Amino acid sequence: MNGFRRSYEELDHSPFTAEEIAIIEREVPKHGPTWSGFKRLMPNRSITDIKVFARSKGLKSKTSLTRSHRMWSEKEDALIVAILETLSKKLQREPQMVCNHAYRLFSQREKLNEQA
């Protein structure tokens, strides 16, 4: 274990405060209940407790990757394909390479934002 991680027993398991509930209600729909940013916003709380609380309140991520793959309409699918084809031609790269690179860029940016 590194110096930043605490054991489950060392964390606060008391009822959530009004401020913590507001954070959970604001962030779970955006990021999901296991979002790593909770460690920064509520360092003494366990992700398990946050997950259980969110589930008990019916809070779910609106953008979760675990949701149905049919969250996109056919019109949106066509637009994404057209944009990727245009971009890949302009960059002279395969569409899959463009997607993979974009994913890496967004992941890196998200990590930098969490550290800030």
PDB file of N, CA and C in Angstrom:
ATOM      1  N   MET A   1       0.833  -1.195   0.000  1.00  0.00           N
ATOM      2  CA  MET A   1       0.000   0.000   0.000  1.00  0.00           C
ATOM      3  C   MET A   1       0.870   1.247   0.000  1.00  0.00           C
ATOM      4  N   ASN A   2       0.422   2.277  -0.685  1.00  0.00           N
ATOM      5  CA  ASN A   2       1.170   3.526  -0.667  1.00  0.00           C
ATOM      6  C   ASN A   2       0.746   4.359   0.535  1.00  0.00           C
ATOM      7  N   GLY A   3       1.388   5.487   0.753  1.00  0.00           N
ATOM      8  CA  GLY A   3       1.108   6.326   1.909  1.00  0.00           C
ATOM      9  C   GLY A   3      -0.209   7.058   1.843  1.00  0.00           C
ATOM     10  N   PHE A   4      -0.883   7.052   0.709  1.00  0.00           N
ATOM     11  CA  PHE A   4      -2.126   7.792   0.549  1.00  0.00           C
ATOM     12  C   PHE A   4      -3.362   6.946   0.833  1.00  0.00           C
ATOM     13  N   ARG A   5      -3.237   5.674   0.718  1.00  0.00           N
ATOM     14  CA  ARG A   5      -4.394   4.795   0.861  1.00  0.00           C
ATOM     15  C   ARG A   5      -4.604   4.430   2.323  1.00  0.00           C
ATOM     16  N   ARG A   6      -5.843   4.489   2.754  1.00  0.00           N
ATOM     17  CA  ARG A   6      -6.178   4.123   4.125  1.00  0.00           C
ATOM     18  C   ARG A   6      -6.969   2.827   4.111  1.00  0.00           C
ATOM     19  N   SER A   7      -6.836   2.075   5.184  1.00  0.00           N
ATOM     20  CA  SER A   7      -7.617   0.847   5.265  1.00  0.00           C
ATOM     21  C   SER A   7      -9.078   1.211   5.500  1.00  0.00           C
ATOM     22  N   TYR A   8      -9.950   0.285   5.186  1.00  0.00           N
ATOM     23  CA  TYR A   8     -11.390   0.516   5.330  1.00  0.00           C
ATOM     24  C   TYR A   8     -11.728   0.906   6.766  1.00  0.00           C
ATOM     25  N   GLU A   9     -11.065   0.296   7.730  1.00  0.00           N
ATOM     26  CA  GLU A   9     -11.342   0.564   9.144  1.00  0.00           C
ATOM     27  C   GLU A   9     -10.957   1.983   9.547  1.00  0.00           C
ATOM     28  N   GLU A  10      -9.979   2.579   8.878  1.00  0.00           N
ATOM     29  CA  GLU A  10      -9.521   3.928   9.222  1.00  0.00           C
ATOM     30  C   GLU A  10     -10.438   5.027   8.685  1.00  0.00           C
ATOM     31  N   LEU A  11     -11.335   4.687   7.781  1.00  0.00           N
ATOM     32  CA  LEU A  11     -12.194   5.691   7.160  1.00  0.00           C
ATOM     33  C   LEU A  11     -13.418   5.985   8.016  1.00  0.00           C
ATOM     34  N   ASP A  12     -14.040   7.132   7.746  1.00  0.00           N
ATOM     35  CA  ASP A  12     -15.230   7.577   8.474  1.00  0.00           C
ATOM     36  C   ASP A  12     -16.458   6.867   7.905  1.00  0.00           C
ATOM     37  N   HIS A  13     -17.173   6.141   8.752  1.00  0.00           N
ATOM     38  CA  HIS A  13     -18.369   5.422   8.307  1.00  0.00           C
ATOM     39  C   HIS A  13     -19.635   5.957   8.970  1.00  0.00           C
ATOM     40  N   SER A  14     -19.536   7.141   9.569  1.00  0.00           N
ATOM     41  CA  SER A  14     -20.714   7.763  10.186  1.00  0.00           C
ATOM     42  C   SER A  14     -21.659   8.235   9.084  1.00  0.00           C
ATOM     43  N   PRO A  15     -22.896   8.603   9.432  1.00  0.00           N
ATOM     44  CA  PRO A  15     -23.815   9.102   8.397  1.00  0.00           C
ATOM     45  C   PRO A  15     -23.208  10.301   7.656  1.00  0.00           C
ATOM     46  N   PHE A  16     -23.549  10.415   6.387  1.00  0.00           N
ATOM     47  CA  PHE A  16     -23.025  11.517   5.586  1.00  0.00           C
ATOM     48  C   PHE A  16     -23.580  12.846   6.080  1.00  0.00           C
ATOM     49  N   THR A  17     -22.742  13.886   6.019  1.00  0.00           N
ATOM     50  CA  THR A  17     -23.182  15.232   6.380  1.00  0.00           C
ATOM     51  C   THR A  17     -23.987  15.812   5.228  1.00  0.00           C
ATOM     52  N   ALA A  18     -24.677  16.921   5.477  1.00  0.00           N
ATOM     53  CA  ALA A  18     -25.454  17.582   4.416  1.00  0.00           C
ATOM     54  C   ALA A  18     -24.543  18.004   3.272  1.00  0.00           C
ATOM     55  N   GLU A  19     -23.338  18.472   3.599  1.00  0.00           N
ATOM     56  CA  GLU A  19     -22.385  18.886   2.563  1.00  0.00           C
ATOM     57  C   GLU A  19     -21.946  17.689   1.715  1.00  0.00           C
ATOM     58  N   GLU A  20     -21.674  16.559   2.362  1.00  0.00           N
ATOM     59  CA  GLU A  20     -21.267  15.361   1.629  1.00  0.00           C
ATOM     60  C   GLU A  20     -22.402  14.834   0.753  1.00  0.00           C
ATOM     61  N   ILE A  21     -23.621  14.889   1.263  1.00  0.00           N
ATOM     62  CA  ILE A  21     -24.779  14.453   0.471  1.00  0.00           C
ATOM     63  C   ILE A  21     -24.914  15.326  -0.768  1.00  0.00           C
ATOM     64  N   ALA A  22     -24.709  16.639  -0.606  1.00  0.00           N
ATOM     65  CA  ALA A  22     -24.785  17.554  -1.755  1.00  0.00           C
ATOM     66  C   ALA A  22     -23.724  17.202  -2.793  1.00  0.00           C
ATOM     67  N   ILE A  23     -22.519  16.871  -2.340  1.00  0.00           N
ATOM     68  CA  ILE A  23     -21.438  16.482  -3.261  1.00  0.00           C
ATOM     69  C   ILE A  23     -21.823  15.209  -4.008  1.00  0.00           C
ATOM     70  N   ILE A  24     -22.320  14.220  -3.283  1.00  0.00           N
ATOM     71  CA  ILE A  24     -22.708  12.947  -3.906  1.00  0.00           C
ATOM     72  C   ILE A  24     -23.827  13.168  -4.916  1.00  0.00           C
ATOM     73  N   GLU A  25     -24.840  13.941  -4.533  1.00  0.00           N
ATOM     74  CA  GLU A  25     -25.972  14.198  -5.437  1.00  0.00           C
ATOM     75  C   GLU A  25     -25.545  14.979  -6.674  1.00  0.00           C
ATOM     76  N   ARG A  26     -24.530  15.815  -6.548  1.00  0.00           N
ATOM     77  CA  ARG A  26     -24.046  16.604  -7.683  1.00  0.00           C
ATOM     78  C   ARG A  26     -23.126  15.789  -8.595  1.00  0.00           C
ATOM     79  N   GLU A  27     -22.252  14.977  -8.006  1.00  0.00           N
ATOM     80  CA  GLU A  27     -21.197  14.318  -8.784  1.00  0.00           C
ATOM     81  C   GLU A  27     -21.552  12.932  -9.319  1.00  0.00           C
ATOM     82  N   VAL A  28     -22.369  12.169  -8.614  1.00  0.00           N
ATOM     83  CA  VAL A  28     -22.699  10.814  -9.089  1.00  0.00           C
ATOM     84  C   VAL A  28     -23.361  10.840 -10.465  1.00  0.00           C
ATOM     85  N   PRO A  29     -24.353  11.720 -10.723  1.00  0.00           N
ATOM     86  CA  PRO A  29     -24.937  11.732 -12.071  1.00  0.00           C
ATOM     87  C   PRO A  29     -23.922  12.078 -13.169  1.00  0.00           C
ATOM     88  N   LYS A  30     -22.909  12.861 -12.839  1.00  0.00           N
ATOM     89  CA  LYS A  30     -21.896  13.240 -13.830  1.00  0.00           C
ATOM     90  C   LYS A  30     -20.824  12.179 -14.019  1.00  0.00           C
ATOM     91  N   HIS A  31     -20.397  11.540 -12.916  1.00  0.00           N
ATOM     92  CA  HIS A  31     -19.217  10.678 -12.968  1.00  0.00           C
ATOM     93  C   HIS A  31     -19.440   9.241 -12.527  1.00  0.00           C
ATOM     94  N   GLY A  32     -20.547   8.971 -11.858  1.00  0.00           N
ATOM     95  CA  GLY A  32     -20.777   7.636 -11.311  1.00  0.00           C
ATOM     96  C   GLY A  32     -20.300   7.554  -9.866  1.00  0.00           C
ATOM     97  N   PRO A  33     -20.756   6.540  -9.127  1.00  0.00           N
ATOM     98  CA  PRO A  33     -20.450   6.450  -7.699  1.00  0.00           C
ATOM     99  C   PRO A  33     -19.025   6.006  -7.370  1.00  0.00           C
ATOM    100  N   THR A  34     -18.271   5.526  -8.356  1.00  0.00           N
ATOM    101  CA  THR A  34     -16.899   5.086  -8.087  1.00  0.00           C
ATOM    102  C   THR A  34     -15.862   6.063  -8.632  1.00  0.00           C
ATOM    103  N   TRP A  35     -16.284   7.271  -8.932  1.00  0.00           N
ATOM    104  CA  TRP A  35     -15.403   8.309  -9.487  1.00  0.00           C
ATOM    105  C   TRP A  35     -14.215   8.560  -8.562  1.00  0.00           C
ATOM    106  N   SER A  36     -13.022   8.593  -9.118  1.00  0.00           N
ATOM    107  CA  SER A  36     -11.814   8.792  -8.310  1.00  0.00           C
ATOM    108  C   SER A  36     -11.761  10.176  -7.669  1.00  0.00           C
ATOM    109  N   GLY A  37     -12.479  11.144  -8.203  1.00  0.00           N
ATOM    110  CA  GLY A  37     -12.504  12.489  -7.631  1.00  0.00           C
ATOM    111  C   GLY A  37     -13.101  12.543  -6.234  1.00  0.00           C
ATOM    112  N   PHE A  38     -13.892  11.533  -5.864  1.00  0.00           N
ATOM    113  CA  PHE A  38     -14.448  11.504  -4.504  1.00  0.00           C
ATOM    114  C   PHE A  38     -13.337  11.415  -3.462  1.00  0.00           C
ATOM    115  N   LYS A  39     -12.218  10.795  -3.819  1.00  0.00           N
ATOM    116  CA  LYS A  39     -11.096  10.683  -2.878  1.00  0.00           C
ATOM    117  C   LYS A  39     -10.549  12.065  -2.528  1.00  0.00           C
ATOM    118  N   ARG A  40     -10.612  12.984  -3.480  1.00  0.00           N
ATOM    119  CA  ARG A  40     -10.147  14.345  -3.242  1.00  0.00           C
ATOM    120  C   ARG A  40     -11.198  15.162  -2.507  1.00  0.00           C
ATOM    121  N   LEU A  41     -12.461  15.011  -2.900  1.00  0.00           N
ATOM    122  CA  LEU A  41     -13.535  15.802  -2.304  1.00  0.00           C
ATOM    123  C   LEU A  41     -13.911  15.332  -0.901  1.00  0.00           C
ATOM    124  N   MET A  42     -13.808  14.029  -0.672  1.00  0.00           N
ATOM    125  CA  MET A  42     -14.169  13.456   0.634  1.00  0.00           C
ATOM    126  C   MET A  42     -13.107  12.423   1.016  1.00  0.00           C
ATOM    127  N   PRO A  43     -11.911  12.881   1.386  1.00  0.00           N
ATOM    128  CA  PRO A  43     -10.782  11.965   1.588  1.00  0.00           C
ATOM    129  C   PRO A  43     -10.964  10.935   2.700  1.00  0.00           C
ATOM    130  N   ASN A  44     -11.855  11.183   3.637  1.00  0.00           N
ATOM    131  CA  ASN A  44     -12.044  10.243   4.750  1.00  0.00           C
ATOM    132  C   ASN A  44     -13.208   9.282   4.533  1.00  0.00           C
ATOM    133  N   ARG A  45     -13.760   9.272   3.331  1.00  0.00           N
ATOM    134  CA  ARG A  45     -14.904   8.403   3.031  1.00  0.00           C
ATOM    135  C   ARG A  45     -14.484   7.288   2.086  1.00  0.00           C
ATOM    136  N   SER A  46     -15.127   6.143   2.221  1.00  0.00           N
ATOM    137  CA  SER A  46     -14.811   5.026   1.326  1.00  0.00           C
ATOM    138  C   SER A  46     -15.717   5.078   0.099  1.00  0.00           C
ATOM    139  N   ILE A  47     -15.158   4.651  -1.014  1.00  0.00           N
ATOM    140  CA  ILE A  47     -15.930   4.574  -2.255  1.00  0.00           C
ATOM    141  C   ILE A  47     -17.091   3.592  -2.070  1.00  0.00           C
ATOM    142  N   THR A  48     -16.879   2.543  -1.296  1.00  0.00           N
ATOM    143  CA  THR A  48     -17.951   1.573  -1.040  1.00  0.00           C
ATOM    144  C   THR A  48     -19.129   2.240  -0.350  1.00  0.00           C
ATOM    145  N   ASP A  49     -18.857   3.059   0.672  1.00  0.00           N
ATOM    146  CA  ASP A  49     -19.941   3.757   1.375  1.00  0.00           C
ATOM    147  C   ASP A  49     -20.670   4.720   0.442  1.00  0.00           C
ATOM    148  N   ILE A  50     -19.911   5.407  -0.406  1.00  0.00           N
ATOM    149  CA  ILE A  50     -20.517   6.343  -1.362  1.00  0.00           C
ATOM    150  C   ILE A  50     -21.412   5.579  -2.334  1.00  0.00           C
ATOM    151  N   LYS A  51     -20.911   4.433  -2.830  1.00  0.00           N
ATOM    152  CA  LYS A  51     -21.684   3.600  -3.759  1.00  0.00           C
ATOM    153  C   LYS A  51     -22.992   3.125  -3.132  1.00  0.00           C
ATOM    154  N   VAL A  52     -22.906   2.635  -1.908  1.00  0.00           N
ATOM    155  CA  VAL A  52     -24.095   2.123  -1.213  1.00  0.00           C
ATOM    156  C   VAL A  52     -25.097   3.247  -0.985  1.00  0.00           C
ATOM    157  N   PHE A  53     -24.609   4.412  -0.565  1.00  0.00           N
ATOM    158  CA  PHE A  53     -25.497   5.550  -0.323  1.00  0.00           C
ATOM    159  C   PHE A  53     -26.173   5.983  -1.623  1.00  0.00           C
ATOM    160  N   ALA A  54     -25.382   6.104  -2.692  1.00  0.00           N
ATOM    161  CA  ALA A  54     -25.934   6.526  -3.986  1.00  0.00           C
ATOM    162  C   ALA A  54     -27.007   5.546  -4.454  1.00  0.00           C
ATOM    163  N   ARG A  55     -26.744   4.256  -4.316  1.00  0.00           N
ATOM    164  CA  ARG A  55     -27.716   3.244  -4.730  1.00  0.00           C
ATOM    165  C   ARG A  55     -28.997   3.357  -3.901  1.00  0.00           C
ATOM    166  N   SER A  56     -28.850   3.598  -2.588  1.00  0.00           N
ATOM    167  CA  SER A  56     -30.031   3.690  -1.720  1.00  0.00           C
ATOM    168  C   SER A  56     -30.893   4.900  -2.056  1.00  0.00           C
ATOM    169  N   LYS A  57     -30.270   5.941  -2.626  1.00  0.00           N
ATOM    170  CA  LYS A  57     -31.002   7.152  -3.020  1.00  0.00           C
ATOM    171  C   LYS A  57     -31.420   7.121  -4.490  1.00  0.00           C
ATOM    172  N   GLY A  58     -31.088   6.036  -5.190  1.00  0.00           N
ATOM    173  CA  GLY A  58     -31.460   5.912  -6.602  1.00  0.00           C
ATOM    174  C   GLY A  58     -30.626   6.781  -7.525  1.00  0.00           C
ATOM    175  N   LEU A  59     -29.427   7.175  -7.074  1.00  0.00           N
ATOM    176  CA  LEU A  59     -28.558   8.017  -7.901  1.00  0.00           C
ATOM    177  C   LEU A  59     -27.743   7.143  -8.838  1.00  0.00           C
ATOM    178  N   LYS A  60     -27.733   7.517 -10.114  1.00  0.00           N
ATOM    179  CA  LYS A  60     -26.976   6.776 -11.116  1.00  0.00           C
ATOM    180  C   LYS A  60     -26.281   7.764 -12.035  1.00  0.00           C
ATOM    181  N   SER A  61     -25.229   7.308 -12.663  1.00  0.00           N
ATOM    182  CA  SER A  61     -24.517   8.133 -13.627  1.00  0.00           C
ATOM    183  C   SER A  61     -25.342   8.272 -14.897  1.00  0.00           C
ATOM    184  N   LYS A  62     -25.436   9.489 -15.390  1.00  0.00           N
ATOM    185  CA  LYS A  62     -26.142   9.725 -16.652  1.00  0.00           C
ATOM    186  C   LYS A  62     -25.244   9.443 -17.845  1.00  0.00           C
ATOM    187  N   THR A  63     -23.945   9.329 -17.609  1.00  0.00           N
ATOM    188  CA  THR A  63     -22.998   9.116 -18.700  1.00  0.00           C
ATOM    189  C   THR A  63     -22.208   7.825 -18.531  1.00  0.00           C
ATOM    190  N   SER A  64     -22.650   6.957 -17.655  1.00  0.00           N
ATOM    191  CA  SER A  64     -21.905   5.744 -17.345  1.00  0.00           C
ATOM    192  C   SER A  64     -21.672   4.886 -18.583  1.00  0.00           C
ATOM    193  N   LEU A  65     -20.462   4.348 -18.683  1.00  0.00           N
ATOM    194  CA  LEU A  65     -20.134   3.461 -19.800  1.00  0.00           C
ATOM    195  C   LEU A  65     -20.838   2.117 -19.670  1.00  0.00           C
ATOM    196  N   THR A  66     -21.364   1.819 -18.484  1.00  0.00           N
ATOM    197  CA  THR A  66     -22.041   0.536 -18.301  1.00  0.00           C
ATOM    198  C   THR A  66     -23.488   0.587 -18.769  1.00  0.00           C
ATOM    199  N   ARG A  67     -23.971   1.764 -19.119  1.00  0.00           N
ATOM    200  CA  ARG A  67     -25.342   1.867 -19.617  1.00  0.00           C
ATOM    201  C   ARG A  67     -25.457   1.192 -20.978  1.00  0.00           C
ATOM    202  N   SER A  68     -26.663   1.038 -21.421  1.00  0.00           N
ATOM    203  CA  SER A  68     -26.932   0.395 -22.706  1.00  0.00           C
ATOM    204  C   SER A  68     -26.153   1.068 -23.829  1.00  0.00           C
ATOM    205  N   HIS A  69     -25.633   0.258 -24.718  1.00  0.00           N
ATOM    206  CA  HIS A  69     -24.918   0.813 -25.864  1.00  0.00           C
ATOM    207  C   HIS A  69     -25.866   1.560 -26.799  1.00  0.00           C
ATOM    208  N   ARG A  70     -27.164   1.437 -26.597  1.00  0.00           N
ATOM    209  CA  ARG A  70     -28.130   2.112 -27.458  1.00  0.00           C
ATOM    210  C   ARG A  70     -28.525   3.476 -26.906  1.00  0.00           C
ATOM    211  N   MET A  71     -27.640   4.107 -26.176  1.00  0.00           N
ATOM    212  CA  MET A  71     -27.959   5.443 -25.692  1.00  0.00           C
ATOM    213  C   MET A  71     -27.775   6.480 -26.800  1.00  0.00           C
ATOM    214  N   TRP A  72     -27.285   6.048 -27.962  1.00  0.00           N
ATOM    215  CA  TRP A  72     -27.096   6.937 -29.108  1.00  0.00           C
ATOM    216  C   TRP A  72     -28.170   6.646 -30.152  1.00  0.00           C
ATOM    217  N   SER A  73     -28.668   7.690 -30.771  1.00  0.00           N
ATOM    218  CA  SER A  73     -29.658   7.513 -31.834  1.00  0.00           C
ATOM    219  C   SER A  73     -28.936   7.193 -33.141  1.00  0.00           C
ATOM    220  N   GLU A  74     -29.686   6.721 -34.121  1.00  0.00           N
ATOM    221  CA  GLU A  74     -29.096   6.432 -35.435  1.00  0.00           C
ATOM    222  C   GLU A  74     -28.563   7.708 -36.077  1.00  0.00           C
ATOM    223  N   LYS A  75     -29.262   8.813 -35.860  1.00  0.00           N
ATOM    224  CA  LYS A  75     -28.821  10.099 -36.409  1.00  0.00           C
ATOM    225  C   LYS A  75     -27.478  10.511 -35.787  1.00  0.00           C
ATOM    226  N   GLU A  76     -27.342  10.315 -34.473  1.00  0.00           N
ATOM    227  CA  GLU A  76     -26.078  10.635 -33.803  1.00  0.00           C
ATOM    228  C   GLU A  76     -24.962   9.713 -34.286  1.00  0.00           C
ATOM    229  N   ASP A  77     -25.281   8.424 -34.449  1.00  0.00           N
ATOM    230  CA  ASP A  77     -24.292   7.476 -34.967  1.00  0.00           C
ATOM    231  C   ASP A  77     -23.779   7.921 -36.333  1.00  0.00           C
ATOM    232  N   ALA A  78     -24.687   8.312 -37.212  1.00  0.00           N
ATOM    233  CA  ALA A  78     -24.303   8.739 -38.559  1.00  0.00           C
ATOM    234  C   ALA A  78     -23.421   9.986 -38.503  1.00  0.00           C
ATOM    235  N   LEU A  79     -23.752  10.918 -37.619  1.00  0.00           N
ATOM    236  CA  LEU A  79     -22.962  12.140 -37.486  1.00  0.00           C
ATOM    237  C   LEU A  79     -21.552  11.829 -36.986  1.00  0.00           C
ATOM    238  N   ILE A  80     -21.447  10.954 -35.995  1.00  0.00           N
ATOM    239  CA  ILE A  80     -20.132  10.574 -35.470  1.00  0.00           C
ATOM    240  C   ILE A  80     -19.287   9.920 -36.554  1.00  0.00           C
ATOM    241  N   VAL A  81     -19.879   9.011 -37.309  1.00  0.00           N
ATOM    242  CA  VAL A  81     -19.146   8.334 -38.385  1.00  0.00           C
ATOM    243  C   VAL A  81     -18.680   9.345 -39.433  1.00  0.00           C
ATOM    244  N   ALA A  82     -19.557  10.261 -39.822  1.00  0.00           N
ATOM    245  CA  ALA A  82     -19.194  11.262 -40.832  1.00  0.00           C
ATOM    246  C   ALA A  82     -18.052  12.149 -40.343  1.00  0.00           C
ATOM    247  N   ILE A  83     -18.131  12.581 -39.089  1.00  0.00           N
ATOM    248  CA  ILE A  83     -17.076  13.440 -38.540  1.00  0.00           C
ATOM    249  C   ILE A  83     -15.755  12.684 -38.456  1.00  0.00           C
ATOM    250  N   LEU A  84     -15.802  11.441 -37.994  1.00  0.00           N
ATOM    251  CA  LEU A  84     -14.574  10.653 -37.891  1.00  0.00           C
ATOM    252  C   LEU A  84     -13.965  10.359 -39.255  1.00  0.00           C
ATOM    253  N   GLU A  85     -14.800  10.083 -40.246  1.00  0.00           N
ATOM    254  CA  GLU A  85     -14.278   9.854 -41.600  1.00  0.00           C
ATOM    255  C   GLU A  85     -13.593  11.111 -42.123  1.00  0.00           C
ATOM    256  N   THR A  86     -14.227  12.264 -41.931  1.00  0.00           N
ATOM    257  CA  THR A  86     -13.649  13.531 -42.387  1.00  0.00           C
ATOM    258  C   THR A  86     -12.335  13.816 -41.667  1.00  0.00           C
ATOM    259  N   LEU A  87     -12.335  13.654 -40.341  1.00  0.00           N
ATOM    260  CA  LEU A  87     -11.137  13.922 -39.553  1.00  0.00           C
ATOM    261  C   LEU A  87     -10.007  12.956 -39.900  1.00  0.00           C
ATOM    262  N   SER A  88     -10.329  11.688 -40.067  1.00  0.00           N
ATOM    263  CA  SER A  88      -9.282  10.716 -40.382  1.00  0.00           C
ATOM    264  C   SER A  88      -8.681  10.965 -41.763  1.00  0.00           C
ATOM    265  N   LYS A  89      -9.495  11.405 -42.718  1.00  0.00           N
ATOM    266  CA  LYS A  89      -8.953  11.757 -44.040  1.00  0.00           C
ATOM    267  C   LYS A  89      -8.037  12.966 -43.932  1.00  0.00           C
ATOM    268  N   LYS A  90      -8.460  13.965 -43.158  1.00  0.00           N
ATOM    269  CA  LYS A  90      -7.665  15.183 -43.000  1.00  0.00           C
ATOM    270  C   LYS A  90      -6.332  14.874 -42.306  1.00  0.00           C
ATOM    271  N   LEU A  91      -6.356  13.987 -41.316  1.00  0.00           N
ATOM    272  CA  LEU A  91      -5.143  13.622 -40.585  1.00  0.00           C
ATOM    273  C   LEU A  91      -4.356  12.511 -41.277  1.00  0.00           C
ATOM    274  N   GLN A  92      -4.949  11.908 -42.297  1.00  0.00           N
ATOM    275  CA  GLN A  92      -4.359  10.783 -43.021  1.00  0.00           C
ATOM    276  C   GLN A  92      -4.038   9.628 -42.070  1.00  0.00           C
ATOM    277  N   ARG A  93      -5.020   9.313 -41.244  1.00  0.00           N
ATOM    278  CA  ARG A  93      -4.917   8.213 -40.284  1.00  0.00           C
ATOM    279  C   ARG A  93      -6.183   7.377 -40.362  1.00  0.00           C
ATOM    280  N   GLU A  94      -6.101   6.143 -39.912  1.00  0.00           N
ATOM    281  CA  GLU A  94      -7.274   5.276 -39.856  1.00  0.00           C
ATOM    282  C   GLU A  94      -8.234   5.788 -38.780  1.00  0.00           C
ATOM    283  N   PRO A  95      -9.556   5.676 -39.006  1.00  0.00           N
ATOM    284  CA  PRO A  95     -10.523   6.141 -38.001  1.00  0.00           C
ATOM    285  C   PRO A  95     -10.298   5.529 -36.613  1.00  0.00           C
ATOM    286  N   GLN A  96      -9.947   4.242 -36.563  1.00  0.00           N
ATOM    287  CA  GLN A  96      -9.700   3.588 -35.272  1.00  0.00           C
ATOM    288  C   GLN A  96      -8.535   4.246 -34.538  1.00  0.00           C
ATOM    289  N   MET A  97      -7.483   4.621 -35.272  1.00  0.00           N
ATOM    290  CA  MET A  97      -6.338   5.296 -34.656  1.00  0.00           C
ATOM    291  C   MET A  97      -6.743   6.658 -34.106  1.00  0.00           C
ATOM    292  N   VAL A  98      -7.582   7.377 -34.845  1.00  0.00           N
ATOM    293  CA  VAL A  98      -8.058   8.687 -34.393  1.00  0.00           C
ATOM    294  C   VAL A  98      -8.865   8.525 -33.103  1.00  0.00           C
ATOM    295  N   CYS A  99      -9.746   7.538 -33.074  1.00  0.00           N
ATOM    296  CA  CYS A  99     -10.560   7.284 -31.867  1.00  0.00           C
ATOM    297  C   CYS A  99      -9.683   6.926 -30.677  1.00  0.00           C
ATOM    298  N   ASN A 100      -8.734   6.027 -30.888  1.00  0.00           N
ATOM    299  CA  ASN A 100      -7.855   5.609 -29.792  1.00  0.00           C
ATOM    300  C   ASN A 100      -7.034   6.774 -29.259  1.00  0.00           C
ATOM    301  N   HIS A 101      -6.517   7.588 -30.166  1.00  0.00           N
ATOM    302  CA  HIS A 101      -5.711   8.733 -29.742  1.00  0.00           C
ATOM    303  C   HIS A 101      -6.575   9.748 -28.991  1.00  0.00           C
ATOM    304  N   ALA A 102      -7.777   9.996 -29.485  1.00  0.00           N
ATOM    305  CA  ALA A 102      -8.687  10.929 -28.803  1.00  0.00           C
ATOM    306  C   ALA A 102      -9.010  10.418 -27.403  1.00  0.00           C
ATOM    307  N   TYR A 103      -9.234   9.130 -27.266  1.00  0.00           N
ATOM    308  CA  TYR A 103      -9.522   8.541 -25.954  1.00  0.00           C
ATOM    309  C   TYR A 103      -8.353   8.770 -24.995  1.00  0.00           C
ATOM    310  N   ARG A 104      -7.122   8.531 -25.483  1.00  0.00           N
ATOM    311  CA  ARG A 104      -5.940   8.759 -24.638  1.00  0.00           C
ATOM    312  C   ARG A 104      -5.831  10.222 -24.231  1.00  0.00           C
ATOM    313  N   LEU A 105      -6.074  11.133 -25.171  1.00  0.00           N
ATOM    314  CA  LEU A 105      -5.994  12.563 -24.858  1.00  0.00           C
ATOM    315  C   LEU A 105      -7.009  12.964 -23.799  1.00  0.00           C
ATOM    316  N   PHE A 106      -8.244  12.501 -23.940  1.00  0.00           N
ATOM    317  CA  PHE A 106      -9.278  12.834 -22.957  1.00  0.00           C
ATOM    318  C   PHE A 106      -8.957  12.222 -21.596  1.00  0.00           C
ATOM    319  N   SER A 107      -8.432  11.010 -21.582  1.00  0.00           N
ATOM    320  CA  SER A 107      -8.068  10.361 -20.314  1.00  0.00           C
ATOM    321  C   SER A 107      -6.960  11.134 -19.609  1.00  0.00           C
ATOM    322  N   GLN A 108      -5.952  11.564 -20.374  1.00  0.00           N
ATOM    323  CA  GLN A 108      -4.855  12.344 -19.795  1.00  0.00           C
ATOM    324  C   GLN A 108      -5.368  13.671 -19.250  1.00  0.00           C
ATOM    325  N   ARG A 109      -6.237  14.323 -19.997  1.00  0.00           N
ATOM    326  CA  ARG A 109      -6.781  15.612 -19.575  1.00  0.00           C
ATOM    327  C   ARG A 109      -7.598  15.452 -18.294  1.00  0.00           C
ATOM    328  N   GLU A 110      -8.379  14.380 -18.206  1.00  0.00           N
ATOM    329  CA  GLU A 110      -9.185  14.126 -17.013  1.00  0.00           C
ATOM    330  C   GLU A 110      -8.291  13.914 -15.795  1.00  0.00           C
ATOM    331  N   LYS A 111      -7.196  13.159 -15.963  1.00  0.00           N
ATOM    332  CA  LYS A 111      -6.274  12.928 -14.849  1.00  0.00           C
ATOM    333  C   LYS A 111      -5.632  14.233 -14.397  1.00  0.00           C
ATOM    334  N   LEU A 112      -5.249  15.085 -15.347  1.00  0.00           N
ATOM    335  CA  LEU A 112      -4.653  16.378 -14.994  1.00  0.00           C
ATOM    336  C   LEU A 112      -5.650  17.258 -14.256  1.00  0.00           C
ATOM    337  N   ASN A 113      -6.907  17.249 -14.684  1.00  0.00           N
ATOM    338  CA  ASN A 113      -7.942  18.046 -14.018  1.00  0.00           C
ATOM    339  C   ASN A 113      -8.189  17.562 -12.597  1.00  0.00           C
ATOM    340  N   GLU A 114      -8.123  16.251 -12.380  1.00  0.00           N
ATOM    341  CA  GLU A 114      -8.338  15.703 -11.040  1.00  0.00           C
ATOM    342  C   GLU A 114      -7.198  16.076 -10.108  1.00  0.00           C
ATOM    343  N   GLN A 115      -5.986  16.201 -10.657  1.00  0.00           N
ATOM    344  CA  GLN A 115      -4.827  16.544  -9.837  1.00  0.00           C
ATOM    345  C   GLN A 115      -4.797  18.026  -9.483  1.00  0.00           C
ATOM    346  N   ALA A 116      -5.466  18.847 -10.292  1.00  0.00           N
ATOM    347  CA  ALA A 116      -5.434  20.304 -10.068  1.00  0.00           C
ATOM    348  C   ALA A 116      -6.258  20.716  -8.876  1.00  0.00           C
TER     349      ALA A 116
END
